[in-house]
Amino acid sequence: MPLTIRPIRFPEDAEALARLCWGYRDLLAARCAATPAIVNAYYSEDSYAALIDDLPRIHARPAGDILLAELDGLAVGCAMYYPLDLPTTCEIKRVFVEDSARGHGAGKALMRDAMQRARADGYDRMVLDTMYLLTEAIALYEALGFAPCPPFYTPEPVFAPILRFYDHPL
């Protein structure tokens, strides 16, 4: 089967989404092993579990969406966006592809699909934040035309040097 991108269906996709989100957190923890405070601050296990349970509300249609990448019928990646308080601006979050699916274009396909859907939803700008240690993600974002931008929220000062902010006109 080819790679497909589709909107998530609840409740049947909830388990796959949770698995992917925990995979994302595990990747962050591994990459930030030298600075675990950032993962503990933004992704503590209890608060992250509650966040995962709340994703359907946070990214609910028509203002947001959660997308799954499937390869050979198995969920291997996710991405989601939602509105910010900034006019016609959305933020893309938790873009993640499992190791087993890397190299198949799933990350790029998720990003492109999310950008197209956000544009159709009336947004004219997409923003994201990432950590400087996620070099593959940064390369993908820049290849898609995202450019560094000022922070769109105020990060904790101790974490500011670790974070990178990007935006893209839609």
C-alpha atoms as a PDB file:
ATOM      1  CA  MET A   1       0.000   0.000   0.000  1.00  0.00           C
ATOM      2  CA  PRO A   2       1.173   3.523  -0.630  1.00  0.00           C
ATOM      3  CA  LEU A   3       1.657   6.278   1.882  1.00  0.00           C
ATOM      4  CA  THR A   4      -1.623   8.022   2.690  1.00  0.00           C
ATOM      5  CA  ILE A   5      -2.475  11.063   4.777  1.00  0.00           C
ATOM      6  CA  ARG A   6      -5.920  11.350   6.283  1.00  0.00           C
ATOM      7  CA  PRO A   7      -7.796  13.109   9.059  1.00  0.00           C
ATOM      8  CA  ILE A   8      -8.006  11.151  12.262  1.00  0.00           C
ATOM      9  CA  ARG A   9     -11.205   9.346  13.209  1.00  0.00           C
ATOM     10  CA  PHE A  10     -12.208   9.140  16.859  1.00  0.00           C
ATOM     11  CA  PRO A  11     -12.469   6.936  18.776  1.00  0.00           C
ATOM     12  CA  GLU A  12     -11.062   4.257  16.457  1.00  0.00           C
ATOM     13  CA  ASP A  13      -7.710   6.060  15.908  1.00  0.00           C
ATOM     14  CA  ALA A  14      -7.219   7.200  19.518  1.00  0.00           C
ATOM     15  CA  GLU A  15      -4.840   4.377  20.429  1.00  0.00           C
ATOM     16  CA  ALA A  16      -2.650   4.930  17.349  1.00  0.00           C
ATOM     17  CA  LEU A  17      -2.526   8.667  18.000  1.00  0.00           C
ATOM     18  CA  ALA A  18      -1.519   8.124  21.631  1.00  0.00           C
ATOM     19  CA  ARG A  19       1.232   5.698  20.552  1.00  0.00           C
ATOM     20  CA  LEU A  20       2.587   8.250  18.061  1.00  0.00           C
ATOM     21  CA  CYS A  21       2.439  11.104  20.576  1.00  0.00           C
ATOM     22  CA  TRP A  22       4.332   9.050  23.157  1.00  0.00           C
ATOM     23  CA  GLY A  23       6.855   8.205  20.437  1.00  0.00           C
ATOM     24  CA  TYR A  24       7.278  11.930  19.840  1.00  0.00           C
ATOM     25  CA  ARG A  25       7.868  12.524  23.551  1.00  0.00           C
ATOM     26  CA  ASP A  26      10.387   9.660  23.666  1.00  0.00           C
ATOM     27  CA  LEU A  27      12.270  11.222  20.740  1.00  0.00           C
ATOM     28  CA  LEU A  28      12.386  14.578  22.541  1.00  0.00           C
ATOM     29  CA  ALA A  29      13.598  12.935  25.742  1.00  0.00           C
ATOM     30  CA  ALA A  30      16.371  11.110  23.872  1.00  0.00           C
ATOM     31  CA  ARG A  31      17.500  14.211  21.990  1.00  0.00           C
ATOM     32  CA  CYS A  32      17.367  16.375  25.114  1.00  0.00           C
ATOM     33  CA  ALA A  33      19.091  13.906  27.418  1.00  0.00           C
ATOM     34  CA  ALA A  34      21.630  16.593  28.365  1.00  0.00           C
ATOM     35  CA  THR A  35      18.850  19.059  29.215  1.00  0.00           C
ATOM     36  CA  PRO A  36      16.000  16.904  30.567  1.00  0.00           C
ATOM     37  CA  ALA A  37      14.392  19.873  32.337  1.00  0.00           C
ATOM     38  CA  ILE A  38      12.803  21.056  29.089  1.00  0.00           C
ATOM     39  CA  VAL A  39      11.053  17.717  28.510  1.00  0.00           C
ATOM     40  CA  ASN A  40       9.984  17.534  32.142  1.00  0.00           C
ATOM     41  CA  ALA A  41       8.655  21.102  32.021  1.00  0.00           C
ATOM     42  CA  TYR A  42       6.749  20.879  28.755  1.00  0.00           C
ATOM     43  CA  TYR A  43       6.051  17.135  28.583  1.00  0.00           C
ATOM     44  CA  SER A  44       5.791  15.735  32.115  1.00  0.00           C
ATOM     45  CA  GLU A  45       4.188  12.293  31.938  1.00  0.00           C
ATOM     46  CA  ASP A  46       1.000  13.224  33.806  1.00  0.00           C
ATOM     47  CA  SER A  47       0.354  16.474  31.976  1.00  0.00           C
ATOM     48  CA  TYR A  48       1.254  14.907  28.620  1.00  0.00           C
ATOM     49  CA  ALA A  49      -1.163  12.019  29.189  1.00  0.00           C
ATOM     50  CA  ALA A  50      -3.905  14.559  29.934  1.00  0.00           C
ATOM     51  CA  LEU A  51      -2.944  16.540  26.820  1.00  0.00           C
ATOM     52  CA  ILE A  52      -3.171  13.438  24.624  1.00  0.00           C
ATOM     53  CA  ASP A  53      -6.656  12.760  25.973  1.00  0.00           C
ATOM     54  CA  ASP A  54      -7.627  16.367  25.154  1.00  0.00           C
ATOM     55  CA  LEU A  55      -6.207  16.486  21.607  1.00  0.00           C
ATOM     56  CA  PRO A  56      -9.588  15.856  19.918  1.00  0.00           C
ATOM     57  CA  ARG A  57     -10.970  18.994  21.589  1.00  0.00           C
ATOM     58  CA  ILE A  58      -7.862  21.161  21.122  1.00  0.00           C
ATOM     59  CA  HIS A  59      -7.580  20.362  17.407  1.00  0.00           C
ATOM     60  CA  ALA A  60     -11.306  20.033  16.687  1.00  0.00           C
ATOM     61  CA  ARG A  61     -12.787  20.867  13.325  1.00  0.00           C
ATOM     62  CA  PRO A  62     -13.497  23.330  11.890  1.00  0.00           C
ATOM     63  CA  ALA A  63     -10.639  25.379  13.401  1.00  0.00           C
ATOM     64  CA  GLY A  64      -8.031  22.623  13.572  1.00  0.00           C
ATOM     65  CA  ASP A  65      -7.294  19.087  12.523  1.00  0.00           C
ATOM     66  CA  ILE A  66      -5.273  15.993  13.387  1.00  0.00           C
ATOM     67  CA  LEU A  67      -3.729  14.075  10.509  1.00  0.00           C
ATOM     68  CA  LEU A  68      -2.372  10.546  10.386  1.00  0.00           C
ATOM     69  CA  ALA A  69       0.187   9.183   7.958  1.00  0.00           C
ATOM     70  CA  GLU A  70      -0.391   5.552   7.087  1.00  0.00           C
ATOM     71  CA  LEU A  71       2.076   3.263   5.385  1.00  0.00           C
ATOM     72  CA  ASP A  72       0.841  -0.161   4.361  1.00  0.00           C
ATOM     73  CA  GLY A  73      -2.316   0.545   6.350  1.00  0.00           C
ATOM     74  CA  LEU A  74      -0.487   1.237   9.623  1.00  0.00           C
ATOM     75  CA  ALA A  75      -0.430   4.625  11.362  1.00  0.00           C
ATOM     76  CA  VAL A  76       3.217   5.744  11.271  1.00  0.00           C
ATOM     77  CA  GLY A  77       3.034   9.522  11.727  1.00  0.00           C
ATOM     78  CA  CYS A  78       0.929  12.430  12.856  1.00  0.00           C
ATOM     79  CA  ALA A  79       0.634  16.193  12.698  1.00  0.00           C
ATOM     80  CA  MET A  80      -1.971  18.576  14.061  1.00  0.00           C
ATOM     81  CA  TYR A  81      -2.816  22.251  13.917  1.00  0.00           C
ATOM     82  CA  TYR A  82      -5.037  24.656  15.804  1.00  0.00           C
ATOM     83  CA  PRO A  83      -5.762  28.382  15.892  1.00  0.00           C
ATOM     84  CA  LEU A  84      -3.703  30.868  17.858  1.00  0.00           C
ATOM     85  CA  ASP A  85      -4.892  34.162  19.277  1.00  0.00           C
ATOM     86  CA  LEU A  86      -3.062  35.835  16.390  1.00  0.00           C
ATOM     87  CA  PRO A  87      -5.398  36.688  13.493  1.00  0.00           C
ATOM     88  CA  THR A  88      -5.592  34.030  10.748  1.00  0.00           C
ATOM     89  CA  THR A  89      -2.603  32.175  12.241  1.00  0.00           C
ATOM     90  CA  CYS A  90      -2.452  28.511  13.193  1.00  0.00           C
ATOM     91  CA  GLU A  91       0.250  26.494  14.886  1.00  0.00           C
ATOM     92  CA  ILE A  92       1.313  23.037  13.762  1.00  0.00           C
ATOM     93  CA  LYS A  93       2.230  20.694  16.595  1.00  0.00           C
ATOM     94  CA  ARG A  94       3.586  17.212  17.238  1.00  0.00           C
ATOM     95  CA  VAL A  95       4.782  16.440  13.714  1.00  0.00           C
ATOM     96  CA  PHE A  96       6.214  12.969  14.151  1.00  0.00           C
ATOM     97  CA  VAL A  97       7.072   9.950  12.005  1.00  0.00           C
ATOM     98  CA  GLU A  98       8.162   6.636  13.489  1.00  0.00           C
ATOM     99  CA  ASP A  99      11.681   5.435  12.735  1.00  0.00           C
ATOM    100  CA  SER A 100      10.325   2.512  10.713  1.00  0.00           C
ATOM    101  CA  ALA A 101       8.655   4.903   8.264  1.00  0.00           C
ATOM    102  CA  ARG A 102      11.380   7.511   7.868  1.00  0.00           C
ATOM    103  CA  GLY A 103      12.583   7.956   4.319  1.00  0.00           C
ATOM    104  CA  HIS A 104       9.141   7.413   2.793  1.00  0.00           C
ATOM    105  CA  GLY A 105       8.216  11.113   2.665  1.00  0.00           C
ATOM    106  CA  ALA A 106       5.660  10.880   5.469  1.00  0.00           C
ATOM    107  CA  GLY A 107       6.867  13.995   7.293  1.00  0.00           C
ATOM    108  CA  LYS A 108       6.795  16.095   4.149  1.00  0.00           C
ATOM    109  CA  ALA A 109       3.389  14.712   3.159  1.00  0.00           C
ATOM    110  CA  LEU A 110       1.962  15.434   6.620  1.00  0.00           C
ATOM    111  CA  MET A 111       3.283  18.998   6.534  1.00  0.00           C
ATOM    112  CA  ARG A 112       2.026  19.699   3.008  1.00  0.00           C
ATOM    113  CA  ASP A 113      -1.397  18.253   3.747  1.00  0.00           C
ATOM    114  CA  ALA A 114      -1.681  20.232   6.988  1.00  0.00           C
ATOM    115  CA  MET A 115      -0.659  23.437   5.202  1.00  0.00           C
ATOM    116  CA  GLN A 116      -3.210  22.844   2.434  1.00  0.00           C
ATOM    117  CA  ARG A 117      -5.992  22.079   4.921  1.00  0.00           C
ATOM    118  CA  ALA A 118      -5.113  25.097   7.084  1.00  0.00           C
ATOM    119  CA  ARG A 119      -5.207  27.343   4.013  1.00  0.00           C
ATOM    120  CA  ALA A 120      -8.626  25.914   3.095  1.00  0.00           C
ATOM    121  CA  ASP A 121      -9.732  26.600   6.693  1.00  0.00           C
ATOM    122  CA  GLY A 122      -8.960  30.303   6.189  1.00  0.00           C
ATOM    123  CA  TYR A 123      -5.537  30.611   7.783  1.00  0.00           C
ATOM    124  CA  ASP A 124      -2.898  32.682   6.020  1.00  0.00           C
ATOM    125  CA  ARG A 125       0.061  31.870   8.285  1.00  0.00           C
ATOM    126  CA  MET A 126       1.334  28.707   9.970  1.00  0.00           C
ATOM    127  CA  VAL A 127       3.843  28.849  12.803  1.00  0.00           C
ATOM    128  CA  LEU A 128       5.774  26.244  14.749  1.00  0.00           C
ATOM    129  CA  ASP A 129       8.397  25.881  17.400  1.00  0.00           C
ATOM    130  CA  THR A 130      11.038  23.212  17.617  1.00  0.00           C
ATOM    131  CA  MET A 131      14.236  22.463  19.475  1.00  0.00           C
ATOM    132  CA  TYR A 132      17.592  23.110  17.849  1.00  0.00           C
ATOM    133  CA  LEU A 133      18.480  19.448  18.466  1.00  0.00           C
ATOM    134  CA  LEU A 134      15.786  18.271  16.038  1.00  0.00           C
ATOM    135  CA  THR A 135      17.959  18.865  13.005  1.00  0.00           C
ATOM    136  CA  GLU A 136      15.970  16.607  10.671  1.00  0.00           C
ATOM    137  CA  ALA A 137      12.762  18.467  11.501  1.00  0.00           C
ATOM    138  CA  ILE A 138      14.438  21.828  10.955  1.00  0.00           C
ATOM    139  CA  ALA A 139      15.761  20.667   7.576  1.00  0.00           C
ATOM    140  CA  LEU A 140      12.247  19.556   6.587  1.00  0.00           C
ATOM    141  CA  TYR A 141      10.635  22.820   7.684  1.00  0.00           C
ATOM    142  CA  GLU A 142      13.203  24.902   5.839  1.00  0.00           C
ATOM    143  CA  ALA A 143      12.889  22.731   2.703  1.00  0.00           C
ATOM    144  CA  LEU A 144       9.151  23.451   2.761  1.00  0.00           C
ATOM    145  CA  GLY A 145       9.788  27.194   2.936  1.00  0.00           C
ATOM    146  CA  PHE A 146       9.393  27.859   6.651  1.00  0.00           C
ATOM    147  CA  ALA A 147      11.612  30.715   7.773  1.00  0.00           C
ATOM    148  CA  PRO A 148      12.889  31.700  11.210  1.00  0.00           C
ATOM    149  CA  CYS A 149      10.594  34.187  12.939  1.00  0.00           C
ATOM    150  CA  PRO A 150      10.323  35.911  16.295  1.00  0.00           C
ATOM    151  CA  PRO A 151       8.754  33.833  19.072  1.00  0.00           C
ATOM    152  CA  PHE A 152       4.953  33.809  18.950  1.00  0.00           C
ATOM    153  CA  TYR A 153       4.809  33.133  22.691  1.00  0.00           C
ATOM    154  CA  THR A 154       7.135  33.947  25.559  1.00  0.00           C
ATOM    155  CA  PRO A 155       9.211  30.872  26.389  1.00  0.00           C
ATOM    156  CA  GLU A 156      10.654  30.329  29.824  1.00  0.00           C
ATOM    157  CA  PRO A 157      14.012  32.173  29.782  1.00  0.00           C
ATOM    158  CA  VAL A 158      15.986  29.052  30.701  1.00  0.00           C
ATOM    159  CA  PHE A 159      14.582  27.249  27.615  1.00  0.00           C
ATOM    160  CA  ALA A 160      14.711  30.112  25.114  1.00  0.00           C
ATOM    161  CA  PRO A 161      18.195  29.191  23.797  1.00  0.00           C
ATOM    162  CA  ILE A 162      17.001  25.662  22.983  1.00  0.00           C
ATOM    163  CA  LEU A 163      13.912  26.708  21.008  1.00  0.00           C
ATOM    164  CA  ARG A 164      13.613  27.800  17.383  1.00  0.00           C
ATOM    165  CA  PHE A 165      10.550  29.492  15.885  1.00  0.00           C
ATOM    166  CA  TYR A 166       9.424  29.324  12.257  1.00  0.00           C
ATOM    167  CA  ASP A 167       6.564  30.568  10.132  1.00  0.00           C
ATOM    168  CA  HIS A 168       5.236  30.141   6.622  1.00  0.00           C
ATOM    169  CA  PRO A 169       2.647  32.153   4.716  1.00  0.00           C
ATOM    170  CA  LEU A 170      -0.203  30.020   3.509  1.00  0.00           C
END
